[in-house]
Amino acid sequence: MPVNHLVLFQFKSTADEAAVEQAREGMLALKDNCIHATTQQPYIRSLTGGKDNSPEGRQNGIQYAFVVEFESEADRDYYVTNDAAHKAFVGSVIGIIEKAIVVDYTF
């Protein structure tokens, strides 16, 4: 059963625009950069996202949203616990992220 992995970011006020743009590009690049150790193939079904543009004013500081779709919970679990590209991305943004929210759901 497919799993959607929703990732929401609020960047620190000290993060410059170039660093935020690099983080956005890095997040989107995970679709191609995450290679499963067993198959040696990319395993993210889709990855979309970008800067918030909602007029509702209910963001609570969240500035960017991304949806990562996996074929299965096993793929999602591999991404979260083992994927070297994902771990490298997390390490690269840890200093500029004020808040990160992650919610997963199946459909």
C-alpha atoms as a PDB file:
ATOM      1  CA  MET A   1       0.000   0.000   0.000  1.00  0.00           C
ATOM      2  CA  PRO A   2       1.486   3.405  -0.982  1.00  0.00           C
ATOM      3  CA  VAL A   3       2.622   5.759   1.772  1.00  0.00           C
ATOM      4  CA  ASN A   4       2.765   9.546   1.586  1.00  0.00           C
ATOM      5  CA  HIS A   5       5.430  11.200   3.735  1.00  0.00           C
ATOM      6  CA  LEU A   6       4.554  14.869   4.342  1.00  0.00           C
ATOM      7  CA  VAL A   7       7.505  17.061   5.392  1.00  0.00           C
ATOM      8  CA  LEU A   8       7.017  20.654   6.569  1.00  0.00           C
ATOM      9  CA  PHE A   9       9.861  23.086   7.246  1.00  0.00           C
ATOM     10  CA  GLN A  10      10.224  26.387   9.036  1.00  0.00           C
ATOM     11  CA  PHE A  11      13.660  27.864   8.477  1.00  0.00           C
ATOM     12  CA  LYS A  12      15.529  29.877  11.085  1.00  0.00           C
ATOM     13  CA  SER A  13      15.297  33.626  10.644  1.00  0.00           C
ATOM     14  CA  THR A  14      19.085  33.654  10.253  1.00  0.00           C
ATOM     15  CA  ALA A  15      19.000  31.305   7.235  1.00  0.00           C
ATOM     16  CA  ASP A  16      19.858  33.222   4.084  1.00  0.00           C
ATOM     17  CA  GLU A  17      17.899  32.818   0.852  1.00  0.00           C
ATOM     18  CA  ALA A  18      20.690  30.896  -0.860  1.00  0.00           C
ATOM     19  CA  ALA A  19      20.799  28.297   1.921  1.00  0.00           C
ATOM     20  CA  VAL A  20      17.018  27.914   1.877  1.00  0.00           C
ATOM     21  CA  GLU A  21      17.028  27.499  -1.915  1.00  0.00           C
ATOM     22  CA  GLN A  22      19.814  24.932  -1.652  1.00  0.00           C
ATOM     23  CA  ALA A  23      17.736  23.038   0.942  1.00  0.00           C
ATOM     24  CA  ARG A  24      14.671  23.116  -1.325  1.00  0.00           C
ATOM     25  CA  GLU A  25      16.689  21.818  -4.265  1.00  0.00           C
ATOM     26  CA  GLY A  26      18.305  19.167  -2.076  1.00  0.00           C
ATOM     27  CA  MET A  27      14.958  17.946  -0.815  1.00  0.00           C
ATOM     28  CA  LEU A  28      13.558  17.661  -4.342  1.00  0.00           C
ATOM     29  CA  ALA A  29      16.730  15.918  -5.555  1.00  0.00           C
ATOM     30  CA  LEU A  30      16.146  13.067  -3.109  1.00  0.00           C
ATOM     31  CA  LYS A  31      13.779  11.520  -5.667  1.00  0.00           C
ATOM     32  CA  ASP A  32      16.785  10.675  -7.847  1.00  0.00           C
ATOM     33  CA  ASN A  33      19.472  10.512  -5.166  1.00  0.00           C
ATOM     34  CA  CYS A  34      17.823   7.933  -2.903  1.00  0.00           C
ATOM     35  CA  ILE A  35      18.945   4.541  -4.196  1.00  0.00           C
ATOM     36  CA  HIS A  36      17.748   1.368  -2.476  1.00  0.00           C
ATOM     37  CA  ALA A  37      20.636  -0.867  -1.413  1.00  0.00           C
ATOM     38  CA  THR A  38      18.849  -4.040  -2.536  1.00  0.00           C
ATOM     39  CA  THR A  39      17.725  -2.986  -6.021  1.00  0.00           C
ATOM     40  CA  GLN A  40      20.316  -0.278  -6.718  1.00  0.00           C
ATOM     41  CA  GLN A  41      17.425   1.763  -8.163  1.00  0.00           C
ATOM     42  CA  PRO A  42      15.650   4.951  -7.097  1.00  0.00           C
ATOM     43  CA  TYR A  43      12.623   3.958  -5.038  1.00  0.00           C
ATOM     44  CA  ILE A  44      10.729   7.200  -4.334  1.00  0.00           C
ATOM     45  CA  ARG A  45       7.584   7.109  -6.510  1.00  0.00           C
ATOM     46  CA  SER A  46       7.148  10.880  -6.529  1.00  0.00           C
ATOM     47  CA  LEU A  47       8.382  13.929  -4.664  1.00  0.00           C
ATOM     48  CA  THR A  48       6.795  17.350  -4.975  1.00  0.00           C
ATOM     49  CA  GLY A  49       6.882  20.487  -2.911  1.00  0.00           C
ATOM     50  CA  GLY A  50       7.880  24.068  -2.545  1.00  0.00           C
ATOM     51  CA  LYS A  51       7.287  27.356  -0.777  1.00  0.00           C
ATOM     52  CA  ASP A  52       3.956  27.970   0.906  1.00  0.00           C
ATOM     53  CA  ASN A  53       1.597  30.339  -0.887  1.00  0.00           C
ATOM     54  CA  SER A  54      -1.622  29.818   1.044  1.00  0.00           C
ATOM     55  CA  PRO A  55      -3.669  32.964   1.712  1.00  0.00           C
ATOM     56  CA  GLU A  56      -5.314  31.425   4.806  1.00  0.00           C
ATOM     57  CA  GLY A  57      -2.654  32.527   7.287  1.00  0.00           C
ATOM     58  CA  ARG A  58      -2.723  29.182   9.153  1.00  0.00           C
ATOM     59  CA  GLN A  59       0.876  28.131   8.519  1.00  0.00           C
ATOM     60  CA  ASN A  60       2.078  28.562  12.112  1.00  0.00           C
ATOM     61  CA  GLY A  61       5.544  29.439  10.819  1.00  0.00           C
ATOM     62  CA  ILE A  62       5.779  26.638   8.258  1.00  0.00           C
ATOM     63  CA  GLN A  63       7.288  27.969   5.029  1.00  0.00           C
ATOM     64  CA  TYR A  64       7.859  24.898   2.823  1.00  0.00           C
ATOM     65  CA  ALA A  65       5.972  21.647   2.282  1.00  0.00           C
ATOM     66  CA  PHE A  66       6.987  18.444   0.492  1.00  0.00           C
ATOM     67  CA  VAL A  67       5.154  15.207  -0.237  1.00  0.00           C
ATOM     68  CA  VAL A  68       7.279  12.101  -0.752  1.00  0.00           C
ATOM     69  CA  GLU A  69       5.368   9.086  -2.069  1.00  0.00           C
ATOM     70  CA  PHE A  70       6.645   5.558  -1.446  1.00  0.00           C
ATOM     71  CA  GLU A  71       5.335   2.279  -2.854  1.00  0.00           C
ATOM     72  CA  SER A  72       5.274   0.674   0.589  1.00  0.00           C
ATOM     73  CA  GLU A  73       5.896   1.139   4.292  1.00  0.00           C
ATOM     74  CA  ALA A  74       9.079  -0.890   3.831  1.00  0.00           C
ATOM     75  CA  ASP A  75      10.405   1.681   1.340  1.00  0.00           C
ATOM     76  CA  ARG A  76       9.443   4.536   3.665  1.00  0.00           C
ATOM     77  CA  ASP A  77      11.133   2.786   6.573  1.00  0.00           C
ATOM     78  CA  TYR A  78      14.299   2.266   4.530  1.00  0.00           C
ATOM     79  CA  TYR A  79      14.307   5.979   3.630  1.00  0.00           C
ATOM     80  CA  VAL A  80      13.898   7.058   7.240  1.00  0.00           C
ATOM     81  CA  THR A  81      16.370   4.660   8.832  1.00  0.00           C
ATOM     82  CA  ASN A  82      18.979   3.612   6.246  1.00  0.00           C
ATOM     83  CA  ASP A  83      19.170   5.793   3.154  1.00  0.00           C
ATOM     84  CA  ALA A  84      22.558   7.521   2.963  1.00  0.00           C
ATOM     85  CA  ALA A  85      21.324  10.330   0.674  1.00  0.00           C
ATOM     86  CA  HIS A  86      18.454  11.122   3.049  1.00  0.00           C
ATOM     87  CA  LYS A  87      20.775  11.109   6.053  1.00  0.00           C
ATOM     88  CA  ALA A  88      23.196  13.432   4.235  1.00  0.00           C
ATOM     89  CA  PHE A  89      20.354  15.802   3.361  1.00  0.00           C
ATOM     90  CA  VAL A  90      19.137  15.918   6.968  1.00  0.00           C
ATOM     91  CA  GLY A  91      22.678  16.666   8.118  1.00  0.00           C
ATOM     92  CA  SER A  92      23.020  19.449   5.577  1.00  0.00           C
ATOM     93  CA  VAL A  93      19.920  21.357   6.755  1.00  0.00           C
ATOM     94  CA  ILE A  94      19.959  20.746  10.490  1.00  0.00           C
ATOM     95  CA  GLY A  95      21.636  24.107  11.160  1.00  0.00           C
ATOM     96  CA  ILE A  96      19.053  26.175   9.267  1.00  0.00           C
ATOM     97  CA  ILE A  97      15.816  24.417  10.275  1.00  0.00           C
ATOM     98  CA  GLU A  98      13.809  25.985  13.095  1.00  0.00           C
ATOM     99  CA  LYS A  99      11.021  23.423  12.979  1.00  0.00           C
ATOM    100  CA  ALA A 100      10.335  20.265  10.987  1.00  0.00           C
ATOM    101  CA  ILE A 101       7.041  18.384  11.032  1.00  0.00           C
ATOM    102  CA  VAL A 102       6.673  14.960   9.459  1.00  0.00           C
ATOM    103  CA  VAL A 103       3.352  13.180   8.978  1.00  0.00           C
ATOM    104  CA  ASP A 104       2.869   9.912   7.113  1.00  0.00           C
ATOM    105  CA  TYR A 105      -0.390   8.517   5.772  1.00  0.00           C
ATOM    106  CA  THR A 106      -1.600   5.724   3.544  1.00  0.00           C
ATOM    107  CA  PHE A 107      -4.363   5.882   0.975  1.00  0.00           C
END
